[in-house]
Amino acid sequence: VSNIENNINTLTEKNIKLICSEFNINNNWLTKDEGDMFCDDNKDEDDYLAKIDYIMTGENNFHKNLFKTFALLDEKELDALENIINKFIQVKKESKE
């Protein structure tokens, strides 16, 4: 952060995201001077990101490849996956009735 303040490094979108995540800073406040300085709504997202980081730095290649595959899916493929999961849930629910 001090390197950015001293114009040694430039402020990038990645830096902004890291600052917001690390210090629980509201992105809109930092970039647009809108809203509250701090935010509480990052907690759940931070928990998920920490879990994903744990998986991606782990040794289970199946788990890592699963997340890599999801990251490669385009919007159409993600919609199709959502439809498949919804149908699975419906079938499972109907089989319990």
PDB file of N, CA and C in Angstrom:
ATOM      1  N   VAL A   1       0.834  -1.186   0.000  1.00  0.00           N
ATOM      2  CA  VAL A   1       0.000   0.000   0.000  1.00  0.00           C
ATOM      3  C   VAL A   1       0.879   1.250   0.000  1.00  0.00           C
ATOM      4  N   SER A   2       1.942   1.236   0.788  1.00  0.00           N
ATOM      5  CA  SER A   2       2.816   2.420   0.821  1.00  0.00           C
ATOM      6  C   SER A   2       3.476   2.655  -0.536  1.00  0.00           C
ATOM      7  N   ASN A   3       3.788   1.586  -1.283  1.00  0.00           N
ATOM      8  CA  ASN A   3       4.363   1.751  -2.617  1.00  0.00           C
ATOM      9  C   ASN A   3       3.375   2.413  -3.572  1.00  0.00           C
ATOM     10  N   ILE A   4       2.090   2.122  -3.398  1.00  0.00           N
ATOM     11  CA  ILE A   4       1.066   2.777  -4.215  1.00  0.00           C
ATOM     12  C   ILE A   4       0.970   4.248  -3.821  1.00  0.00           C
ATOM     13  N   GLU A   5       0.963   4.507  -2.504  1.00  0.00           N
ATOM     14  CA  GLU A   5       0.889   5.890  -2.013  1.00  0.00           C
ATOM     15  C   GLU A   5       2.083   6.724  -2.471  1.00  0.00           C
ATOM     16  N   ASN A   6       3.241   6.104  -2.574  1.00  0.00           N
ATOM     17  CA  ASN A   6       4.463   6.809  -2.971  1.00  0.00           C
ATOM     18  C   ASN A   6       4.727   6.750  -4.474  1.00  0.00           C
ATOM     19  N   ASN A   7       3.717   6.300  -5.234  1.00  0.00           N
ATOM     20  CA  ASN A   7       3.799   6.214  -6.699  1.00  0.00           C
ATOM     21  C   ASN A   7       4.913   5.306  -7.195  1.00  0.00           C
ATOM     22  N   ILE A   8       5.289   4.321  -6.395  1.00  0.00           N
ATOM     23  CA  ILE A   8       6.262   3.322  -6.839  1.00  0.00           C
ATOM     24  C   ILE A   8       5.537   2.253  -7.662  1.00  0.00           C
ATOM     25  N   ASN A   9       4.379   1.832  -7.179  1.00  0.00           N
ATOM     26  CA  ASN A   9       3.521   0.893  -7.897  1.00  0.00           C
ATOM     27  C   ASN A   9       2.228   1.596  -8.283  1.00  0.00           C
ATOM     28  N   THR A  10       1.619   1.134  -9.377  1.00  0.00           N
ATOM     29  CA  THR A  10       0.340   1.710  -9.785  1.00  0.00           C
ATOM     30  C   THR A  10      -0.803   0.926  -9.147  1.00  0.00           C
ATOM     31  N   LEU A  11      -1.914   1.601  -8.957  1.00  0.00           N
ATOM     32  CA  LEU A  11      -3.101   0.973  -8.383  1.00  0.00           C
ATOM     33  C   LEU A  11      -3.826   0.209  -9.480  1.00  0.00           C
ATOM     34  N   THR A  12      -3.951  -1.094  -9.305  1.00  0.00           N
ATOM     35  CA  THR A  12      -4.639  -1.939 -10.279  1.00  0.00           C
ATOM     36  C   THR A  12      -5.937  -2.443  -9.678  1.00  0.00           C
ATOM     37  N   GLU A  13      -6.781  -3.006 -10.524  1.00  0.00           N
ATOM     38  CA  GLU A  13      -8.042  -3.590 -10.050  1.00  0.00           C
ATOM     39  C   GLU A  13      -7.756  -4.711  -9.050  1.00  0.00           C
ATOM     40  N   LYS A  14      -6.709  -5.473  -9.305  1.00  0.00           N
ATOM     41  CA  LYS A  14      -6.326  -6.542  -8.379  1.00  0.00           C
ATOM     42  C   LYS A  14      -5.943  -5.968  -7.015  1.00  0.00           C
ATOM     43  N   ASN A  15      -5.170  -4.866  -7.011  1.00  0.00           N
ATOM     44  CA  ASN A  15      -4.808  -4.210  -5.749  1.00  0.00           C
ATOM     45  C   ASN A  15      -6.046  -3.756  -4.992  1.00  0.00           C
ATOM     46  N   ILE A  16      -6.987  -3.163  -5.720  1.00  0.00           N
ATOM     47  CA  ILE A  16      -8.222  -2.676  -5.097  1.00  0.00           C
ATOM     48  C   ILE A  16      -8.968  -3.826  -4.440  1.00  0.00           C
ATOM     49  N   LYS A  17      -9.098  -4.937  -5.160  1.00  0.00           N
ATOM     50  CA  LYS A  17      -9.805  -6.099  -4.602  1.00  0.00           C
ATOM     51  C   LYS A  17      -9.089  -6.637  -3.364  1.00  0.00           C
ATOM     52  N   LEU A  18      -7.765  -6.691  -3.427  1.00  0.00           N
ATOM     53  CA  LEU A  18      -6.999  -7.179  -2.280  1.00  0.00           C
ATOM     54  C   LEU A  18      -7.146  -6.258  -1.070  1.00  0.00           C
ATOM     55  N   ILE A  19      -7.097  -4.956  -1.303  1.00  0.00           N
ATOM     56  CA  ILE A  19      -7.257  -3.995  -0.207  1.00  0.00           C
ATOM     57  C   ILE A  19      -8.641  -4.131   0.411  1.00  0.00           C
ATOM     58  N   CYS A  20      -9.664  -4.195  -0.426  1.00  0.00           N
ATOM     59  CA  CYS A  20     -11.036  -4.327   0.075  1.00  0.00           C
ATOM     60  C   CYS A  20     -11.207  -5.616   0.859  1.00  0.00           C
ATOM     61  N   SER A  21     -10.654  -6.693   0.348  1.00  0.00           N
ATOM     62  CA  SER A  21     -10.772  -7.980   1.020  1.00  0.00           C
ATOM     63  C   SER A  21     -10.010  -8.002   2.338  1.00  0.00           C
ATOM     64  N   GLU A  22      -8.787  -7.538   2.313  1.00  0.00           N
ATOM     65  CA  GLU A  22      -7.923  -7.601   3.494  1.00  0.00           C
ATOM     66  C   GLU A  22      -8.405  -6.704   4.625  1.00  0.00           C
ATOM     67  N   PHE A  23      -8.889  -5.520   4.275  1.00  0.00           N
ATOM     68  CA  PHE A  23      -9.253  -4.545   5.304  1.00  0.00           C
ATOM     69  C   PHE A  23     -10.763  -4.348   5.446  1.00  0.00           C
ATOM     70  N   ASN A  24     -11.554  -5.212   4.764  1.00  0.00           N
ATOM     71  CA  ASN A  24     -13.019  -5.153   4.822  1.00  0.00           C
ATOM     72  C   ASN A  24     -13.538  -3.774   4.399  1.00  0.00           C
ATOM     73  N   ILE A  25     -12.968  -3.248   3.327  1.00  0.00           N
ATOM     74  CA  ILE A  25     -13.324  -1.927   2.813  1.00  0.00           C
ATOM     75  C   ILE A  25     -14.360  -2.083   1.702  1.00  0.00           C
ATOM     76  N   ASN A  26     -15.351  -1.208   1.710  1.00  0.00           N
ATOM     77  CA  ASN A  26     -16.382  -1.180   0.685  1.00  0.00           C
ATOM     78  C   ASN A  26     -15.757  -0.679  -0.622  1.00  0.00           C
ATOM     79  N   ASN A  27     -15.842  -1.477  -1.677  1.00  0.00           N
ATOM     80  CA  ASN A  27     -15.255  -1.130  -2.971  1.00  0.00           C
ATOM     81  C   ASN A  27     -15.823   0.186  -3.500  1.00  0.00           C
ATOM     82  N   ASN A  28     -17.136   0.390  -3.377  1.00  0.00           N
ATOM     83  CA  ASN A  28     -17.741   1.642  -3.852  1.00  0.00           C
ATOM     84  C   ASN A  28     -17.199   2.847  -3.090  1.00  0.00           C
ATOM     85  N   TRP A  29     -16.964   2.685  -1.804  1.00  0.00           N
ATOM     86  CA  TRP A  29     -16.412   3.789  -1.018  1.00  0.00           C
ATOM     87  C   TRP A  29     -15.002   4.120  -1.500  1.00  0.00           C
ATOM     88  N   LEU A  30     -14.200   3.074  -1.724  1.00  0.00           N
ATOM     89  CA  LEU A  30     -12.802   3.275  -2.115  1.00  0.00           C
ATOM     90  C   LEU A  30     -12.669   3.857  -3.518  1.00  0.00           C
ATOM     91  N   THR A  31     -13.493   3.386  -4.447  1.00  0.00           N
ATOM     92  CA  THR A  31     -13.320   3.786  -5.845  1.00  0.00           C
ATOM     93  C   THR A  31     -14.215   4.944  -6.274  1.00  0.00           C
ATOM     94  N   LYS A  32     -15.380   5.101  -5.606  1.00  0.00           N
ATOM     95  CA  LYS A  32     -16.343   6.121  -6.046  1.00  0.00           C
ATOM     96  C   LYS A  32     -16.748   7.088  -4.943  1.00  0.00           C
ATOM     97  N   ASP A  33     -16.190   6.893  -3.740  1.00  0.00           N
ATOM     98  CA  ASP A  33     -16.543   7.720  -2.585  1.00  0.00           C
ATOM     99  C   ASP A  33     -18.045   7.672  -2.303  1.00  0.00           C
ATOM    100  N   GLU A  34     -18.621   6.462  -2.422  1.00  0.00           N
ATOM    101  CA  GLU A  34     -20.046   6.253  -2.164  1.00  0.00           C
ATOM    102  C   GLU A  34     -20.218   5.199  -1.078  1.00  0.00           C
ATOM    103  N   GLY A  35     -21.193   5.402  -0.213  1.00  0.00           N
ATOM    104  CA  GLY A  35     -21.520   4.413   0.802  1.00  0.00           C
ATOM    105  C   GLY A  35     -20.599   4.473   2.003  1.00  0.00           C
ATOM    106  N   ASP A  36     -20.713   3.442   2.834  1.00  0.00           N
ATOM    107  CA  ASP A  36     -19.922   3.350   4.057  1.00  0.00           C
ATOM    108  C   ASP A  36     -18.513   2.852   3.748  1.00  0.00           C
ATOM    109  N   MET A  37     -17.566   3.247   4.586  1.00  0.00           N
ATOM    110  CA  MET A  37     -16.172   2.840   4.403  1.00  0.00           C
ATOM    111  C   MET A  37     -16.002   1.332   4.587  1.00  0.00           C
ATOM    112  N   PHE A  38     -16.600   0.788   5.634  1.00  0.00           N
ATOM    113  CA  PHE A  38     -16.446  -0.635   5.931  1.00  0.00           C
ATOM    114  C   PHE A  38     -17.715  -1.388   5.566  1.00  0.00           C
ATOM    115  N   CYS A  39     -17.568  -2.663   5.275  1.00  0.00           N
ATOM    116  CA  CYS A  39     -18.738  -3.472   4.946  1.00  0.00           C
ATOM    117  C   CYS A  39     -18.670  -4.794   5.688  1.00  0.00           C
ATOM    118  N   ASP A  40     -19.836  -5.292   6.014  1.00  0.00           N
ATOM    119  CA  ASP A  40     -19.945  -6.580   6.693  1.00  0.00           C
ATOM    120  C   ASP A  40     -20.366  -7.686   5.749  1.00  0.00           C
ATOM    121  N   ASP A  41     -20.831  -7.332   4.569  1.00  0.00           N
ATOM    122  CA  ASP A  41     -21.373  -8.339   3.663  1.00  0.00           C
ATOM    123  C   ASP A  41     -20.308  -9.172   2.961  1.00  0.00           C
ATOM    124  N   ASN A  42     -19.036  -8.899   3.183  1.00  0.00           N
ATOM    125  CA  ASN A  42     -17.963  -9.699   2.583  1.00  0.00           C
ATOM    126  C   ASN A  42     -17.668 -10.974   3.362  1.00  0.00           C
ATOM    127  N   LYS A  43     -18.179 -11.086   4.572  1.00  0.00           N
ATOM    128  CA  LYS A  43     -17.831 -12.198   5.460  1.00  0.00           C
ATOM    129  C   LYS A  43     -18.094 -13.546   4.808  1.00  0.00           C
ATOM    130  N   ASP A  44     -19.322 -13.751   4.300  1.00  0.00           N
ATOM    131  CA  ASP A  44     -19.643 -15.034   3.677  1.00  0.00           C
ATOM    132  C   ASP A  44     -18.782 -15.280   2.446  1.00  0.00           C
ATOM    133  N   GLU A  45     -18.616 -14.248   1.629  1.00  0.00           N
ATOM    134  CA  GLU A  45     -17.797 -14.395   0.429  1.00  0.00           C
ATOM    135  C   GLU A  45     -16.347 -14.699   0.798  1.00  0.00           C
ATOM    136  N   ASP A  46     -15.844 -14.029   1.817  1.00  0.00           N
ATOM    137  CA  ASP A  46     -14.479 -14.293   2.266  1.00  0.00           C
ATOM    138  C   ASP A  46     -14.318 -15.729   2.741  1.00  0.00           C
ATOM    139  N   ASP A  47     -15.337 -16.248   3.434  1.00  0.00           N
ATOM    140  CA  ASP A  47     -15.287 -17.635   3.892  1.00  0.00           C
ATOM    141  C   ASP A  47     -15.206 -18.590   2.705  1.00  0.00           C
ATOM    142  N   TYR A  48     -16.016 -18.331   1.672  1.00  0.00           N
ATOM    143  CA  TYR A  48     -15.982 -19.184   0.485  1.00  0.00           C
ATOM    144  C   TYR A  48     -14.634 -19.084  -0.222  1.00  0.00           C
ATOM    145  N   LEU A  49     -14.128 -17.872  -0.346  1.00  0.00           N
ATOM    146  CA  LEU A  49     -12.834 -17.691  -1.010  1.00  0.00           C
ATOM    147  C   LEU A  49     -11.714 -18.380  -0.244  1.00  0.00           C
ATOM    148  N   ALA A  50     -11.776 -18.342   1.071  1.00  0.00           N
ATOM    149  CA  ALA A  50     -10.767 -19.027   1.888  1.00  0.00           C
ATOM    150  C   ALA A  50     -10.842 -20.533   1.670  1.00  0.00           C
ATOM    151  N   LYS A  51     -12.049 -21.063   1.561  1.00  0.00           N
ATOM    152  CA  LYS A  51     -12.211 -22.501   1.320  1.00  0.00           C
ATOM    153  C   LYS A  51     -11.695 -22.884  -0.067  1.00  0.00           C
ATOM    154  N   ILE A  52     -11.989 -22.039  -1.052  1.00  0.00           N
ATOM    155  CA  ILE A  52     -11.492 -22.305  -2.402  1.00  0.00           C
ATOM    156  C   ILE A  52      -9.966 -22.248  -2.423  1.00  0.00           C
ATOM    157  N   ASP A  53      -9.387 -21.258  -1.762  1.00  0.00           N
ATOM    158  CA  ASP A  53      -7.922 -21.171  -1.670  1.00  0.00           C
ATOM    159  C   ASP A  53      -7.343 -22.424  -1.025  1.00  0.00           C
ATOM    160  N   TYR A  54      -8.009 -22.907   0.019  1.00  0.00           N
ATOM    161  CA  TYR A  54      -7.551 -24.116   0.709  1.00  0.00           C
ATOM    162  C   TYR A  54      -7.551 -25.305  -0.254  1.00  0.00           C
ATOM    163  N   ILE A  55      -8.620 -25.429  -1.027  1.00  0.00           N
ATOM    164  CA  ILE A  55      -8.711 -26.536  -1.986  1.00  0.00           C
ATOM    165  C   ILE A  55      -7.639 -26.392  -3.067  1.00  0.00           C
ATOM    166  N   MET A  56      -7.483 -25.178  -3.600  1.00  0.00           N
ATOM    167  CA  MET A  56      -6.560 -24.972  -4.714  1.00  0.00           C
ATOM    168  C   MET A  56      -5.098 -25.099  -4.304  1.00  0.00           C
ATOM    169  N   THR A  57      -4.792 -24.959  -3.034  1.00  0.00           N
ATOM    170  CA  THR A  57      -3.414 -25.151  -2.579  1.00  0.00           C
ATOM    171  C   THR A  57      -3.199 -26.542  -1.995  1.00  0.00           C
ATOM    172  N   GLY A  58      -4.261 -27.328  -1.978  1.00  0.00           N
ATOM    173  CA  GLY A  58      -4.172 -28.683  -1.442  1.00  0.00           C
ATOM    174  C   GLY A  58      -3.592 -29.657  -2.451  1.00  0.00           C
ATOM    175  N   GLU A  59      -3.626 -30.917  -2.090  1.00  0.00           N
ATOM    176  CA  GLU A  59      -3.014 -31.949  -2.930  1.00  0.00           C
ATOM    177  C   GLU A  59      -4.026 -32.780  -3.706  1.00  0.00           C
ATOM    178  N   ASN A  60      -5.324 -32.553  -3.485  1.00  0.00           N
ATOM    179  CA  ASN A  60      -6.338 -33.346  -4.164  1.00  0.00           C
ATOM    180  C   ASN A  60      -6.584 -32.773  -5.561  1.00  0.00           C
ATOM    181  N   ASN A  61      -6.022 -33.435  -6.571  1.00  0.00           N
ATOM    182  CA  ASN A  61      -6.133 -32.950  -7.946  1.00  0.00           C
ATOM    183  C   ASN A  61      -7.558 -32.963  -8.464  1.00  0.00           C
ATOM    184  N   PHE A  62      -8.373 -33.929  -8.024  1.00  0.00           N
ATOM    185  CA  PHE A  62      -9.772 -33.953  -8.458  1.00  0.00           C
ATOM    186  C   PHE A  62     -10.474 -32.678  -8.023  1.00  0.00           C
ATOM    187  N   HIS A  63     -10.305 -32.285  -6.764  1.00  0.00           N
ATOM    188  CA  HIS A  63     -10.953 -31.078  -6.246  1.00  0.00           C
ATOM    189  C   HIS A  63     -10.463 -29.835  -6.989  1.00  0.00           C
ATOM    190  N   LYS A  64      -9.152 -29.746  -7.221  1.00  0.00           N
ATOM    191  CA  LYS A  64      -8.602 -28.592  -7.935  1.00  0.00           C
ATOM    192  C   LYS A  64      -9.123 -28.533  -9.368  1.00  0.00           C
ATOM    193  N   ASN A  65      -9.143 -29.674 -10.037  1.00  0.00           N
ATOM    194  CA  ASN A  65      -9.608 -29.718 -11.420  1.00  0.00           C
ATOM    195  C   ASN A  65     -11.095 -29.395 -11.532  1.00  0.00           C
ATOM    196  N   LEU A  66     -11.861 -29.744 -10.507  1.00  0.00           N
ATOM    197  CA  LEU A  66     -13.282 -29.415 -10.499  1.00  0.00           C
ATOM    198  C   LEU A  66     -13.466 -27.895 -10.527  1.00  0.00           C
ATOM    199  N   PHE A  67     -12.736 -27.170  -9.680  1.00  0.00           N
ATOM    200  CA  PHE A  67     -12.837 -25.710  -9.669  1.00  0.00           C
ATOM    201  C   PHE A  67     -12.285 -25.102 -10.957  1.00  0.00           C
ATOM    202  N   LYS A  68     -11.216 -25.670 -11.492  1.00  0.00           N
ATOM    203  CA  LYS A  68     -10.671 -25.178 -12.756  1.00  0.00           C
ATOM    204  C   LYS A  68     -11.693 -25.338 -13.877  1.00  0.00           C
ATOM    205  N   THR A  69     -12.392 -26.471 -13.873  1.00  0.00           N
ATOM    206  CA  THR A  69     -13.409 -26.723 -14.894  1.00  0.00           C
ATOM    207  C   THR A  69     -14.538 -25.714 -14.795  1.00  0.00           C
ATOM    208  N   PHE A  70     -15.026 -25.466 -13.571  1.00  0.00           N
ATOM    209  CA  PHE A  70     -16.084 -24.471 -13.392  1.00  0.00           C
ATOM    210  C   PHE A  70     -15.637 -23.101 -13.899  1.00  0.00           C
ATOM    211  N   ALA A  71     -14.389 -22.755 -13.675  1.00  0.00           N
ATOM    212  CA  ALA A  71     -13.876 -21.455 -14.095  1.00  0.00           C
ATOM    213  C   ALA A  71     -13.833 -21.322 -15.618  1.00  0.00           C
ATOM    214  N   LEU A  72     -13.740 -22.439 -16.316  1.00  0.00           N
ATOM    215  CA  LEU A  72     -13.674 -22.417 -17.778  1.00  0.00           C
ATOM    216  C   LEU A  72     -15.044 -22.399 -18.448  1.00  0.00           C
ATOM    217  N   LEU A  73     -16.105 -22.670 -17.687  1.00  0.00           N
ATOM    218  CA  LEU A  73     -17.440 -22.713 -18.276  1.00  0.00           C
ATOM    219  C   LEU A  73     -17.901 -21.316 -18.666  1.00  0.00           C
ATOM    220  N   ASP A  74     -18.553 -21.235 -19.841  1.00  0.00           N
ATOM    221  CA  ASP A  74     -19.126 -19.950 -20.227  1.00  0.00           C
ATOM    222  C   ASP A  74     -20.545 -19.829 -19.652  1.00  0.00           C
ATOM    223  N   GLU A  75     -21.184 -18.708 -19.891  1.00  0.00           N
ATOM    224  CA  GLU A  75     -22.503 -18.428 -19.306  1.00  0.00           C
ATOM    225  C   GLU A  75     -23.542 -19.477 -19.714  1.00  0.00           C
ATOM    226  N   LYS A  76     -23.522 -19.875 -20.972  1.00  0.00           N
ATOM    227  CA  LYS A  76     -24.473 -20.873 -21.479  1.00  0.00           C
ATOM    228  C   LYS A  76     -24.262 -22.219 -20.779  1.00  0.00           C
ATOM    229  N   GLU A  77     -23.017 -22.602 -20.620  1.00  0.00           N
ATOM    230  CA  GLU A  77     -22.712 -23.871 -19.952  1.00  0.00           C
ATOM    231  C   GLU A  77     -23.085 -23.824 -18.472  1.00  0.00           C
ATOM    232  N   LEU A  78     -22.870 -22.681 -17.824  1.00  0.00           N
ATOM    233  CA  LEU A  78     -23.269 -22.539 -16.419  1.00  0.00           C
ATOM    234  C   LEU A  78     -24.785 -22.623 -16.268  1.00  0.00           C
ATOM    235  N   ASP A  79     -25.524 -22.016 -17.207  1.00  0.00           N
ATOM    236  CA  ASP A  79     -26.989 -22.106 -17.181  1.00  0.00           C
ATOM    237  C   ASP A  79     -27.442 -23.550 -17.353  1.00  0.00           C
ATOM    238  N   ALA A  80     -26.800 -24.275 -18.266  1.00  0.00           N
ATOM    239  CA  ALA A  80     -27.144 -25.681 -18.478  1.00  0.00           C
ATOM    240  C   ALA A  80     -26.866 -26.498 -17.223  1.00  0.00           C
ATOM    241  N   LEU A  81     -25.742 -26.239 -16.579  1.00  0.00           N
ATOM    242  CA  LEU A  81     -25.405 -26.940 -15.338  1.00  0.00           C
ATOM    243  C   LEU A  81     -26.440 -26.644 -14.257  1.00  0.00           C
ATOM    244  N   GLU A  82     -26.860 -25.395 -14.162  1.00  0.00           N
ATOM    245  CA  GLU A  82     -27.883 -25.022 -13.180  1.00  0.00           C
ATOM    246  C   GLU A  82     -29.188 -25.775 -13.447  1.00  0.00           C
ATOM    247  N   ASN A  83     -29.574 -25.885 -14.708  1.00  0.00           N
ATOM    248  CA  ASN A  83     -30.788 -26.629 -15.061  1.00  0.00           C
ATOM    249  C   ASN A  83     -30.673 -28.101 -14.685  1.00  0.00           C
ATOM    250  N   ILE A  84     -29.529 -28.695 -14.935  1.00  0.00           N
ATOM    251  CA  ILE A  84     -29.316 -30.102 -14.576  1.00  0.00           C
ATOM    252  C   ILE A  84     -29.425 -30.285 -13.065  1.00  0.00           C
ATOM    253  N   ILE A  85     -28.803 -29.407 -12.308  1.00  0.00           N
ATOM    254  CA  ILE A  85     -28.854 -29.504 -10.843  1.00  0.00           C
ATOM    255  C   ILE A  85     -30.278 -29.322 -10.343  1.00  0.00           C
ATOM    256  N   ASN A  86     -31.011 -28.364 -10.922  1.00  0.00           N
ATOM    257  CA  ASN A  86     -32.404 -28.162 -10.516  1.00  0.00           C
ATOM    258  C   ASN A  86     -33.262 -29.384 -10.812  1.00  0.00           C
ATOM    259  N   LYS A  87     -33.041 -30.024 -11.954  1.00  0.00           N
ATOM    260  CA  LYS A  87     -33.784 -31.247 -12.280  1.00  0.00           C
ATOM    261  C   LYS A  87     -33.428 -32.363 -11.308  1.00  0.00           C
ATOM    262  N   PHE A  88     -32.158 -32.479 -10.964  1.00  0.00           N
ATOM    263  CA  PHE A  88     -31.726 -33.484  -9.998  1.00  0.00           C
ATOM    264  C   PHE A  88     -32.430 -33.277  -8.665  1.00  0.00           C
ATOM    265  N   ILE A  89     -32.478 -32.033  -8.204  1.00  0.00           N
ATOM    266  CA  ILE A  89     -33.145 -31.718  -6.934  1.00  0.00           C
ATOM    267  C   ILE A  89     -34.623 -32.073  -7.010  1.00  0.00           C
ATOM    268  N   GLN A  90     -35.257 -31.772  -8.137  1.00  0.00           N
ATOM    269  CA  GLN A  90     -36.677 -32.083  -8.311  1.00  0.00           C
ATOM    270  C   GLN A  90     -36.916 -33.591  -8.272  1.00  0.00           C
ATOM    271  N   VAL A  91     -36.102 -34.353  -8.978  1.00  0.00           N
ATOM    272  CA  VAL A  91     -36.245 -35.814  -8.988  1.00  0.00           C
ATOM    273  C   VAL A  91     -36.024 -36.371  -7.592  1.00  0.00           C
ATOM    274  N   LYS A  92     -35.022 -35.877  -6.905  1.00  0.00           N
ATOM    275  CA  LYS A  92     -34.731 -36.346  -5.550  1.00  0.00           C
ATOM    276  C   LYS A  92     -35.892 -36.037  -4.613  1.00  0.00           C
ATOM    277  N   LYS A  93     -36.451 -34.856  -4.743  1.00  0.00           N
ATOM    278  CA  LYS A  93     -37.585 -34.460  -3.909  1.00  0.00           C
ATOM    279  C   LYS A  93     -38.800 -35.342  -4.194  1.00  0.00           C
ATOM    280  N   GLU A  94     -39.065 -35.614  -5.474  1.00  0.00           N
ATOM    281  CA  GLU A  94     -40.212 -36.446  -5.855  1.00  0.00           C
ATOM    282  C   GLU A  94     -40.038 -37.886  -5.399  1.00  0.00           C
ATOM    283  N   SER A  95     -38.814 -38.369  -5.357  1.00  0.00           N
ATOM    284  CA  SER A  95     -38.588 -39.759  -4.944  1.00  0.00           C
ATOM    285  C   SER A  95     -38.805 -39.947  -3.448  1.00  0.00           C
ATOM    286  N   LYS A  96     -38.740 -38.860  -2.682  1.00  0.00           N
ATOM    287  CA  LYS A  96     -38.982 -38.938  -1.240  1.00  0.00           C
ATOM    288  C   LYS A  96     -40.461 -38.871  -0.905  1.00  0.00           C
ATOM    289  N   GLU A  97     -41.282 -38.398  -1.843  1.00  0.00           N
ATOM    290  CA  GLU A  97     -42.720 -38.245  -1.572  1.00  0.00           C
ATOM    291  C   GLU A  97     -43.459 -39.545  -1.680  1.00  0.00           C
TER     292      GLU A  97
END
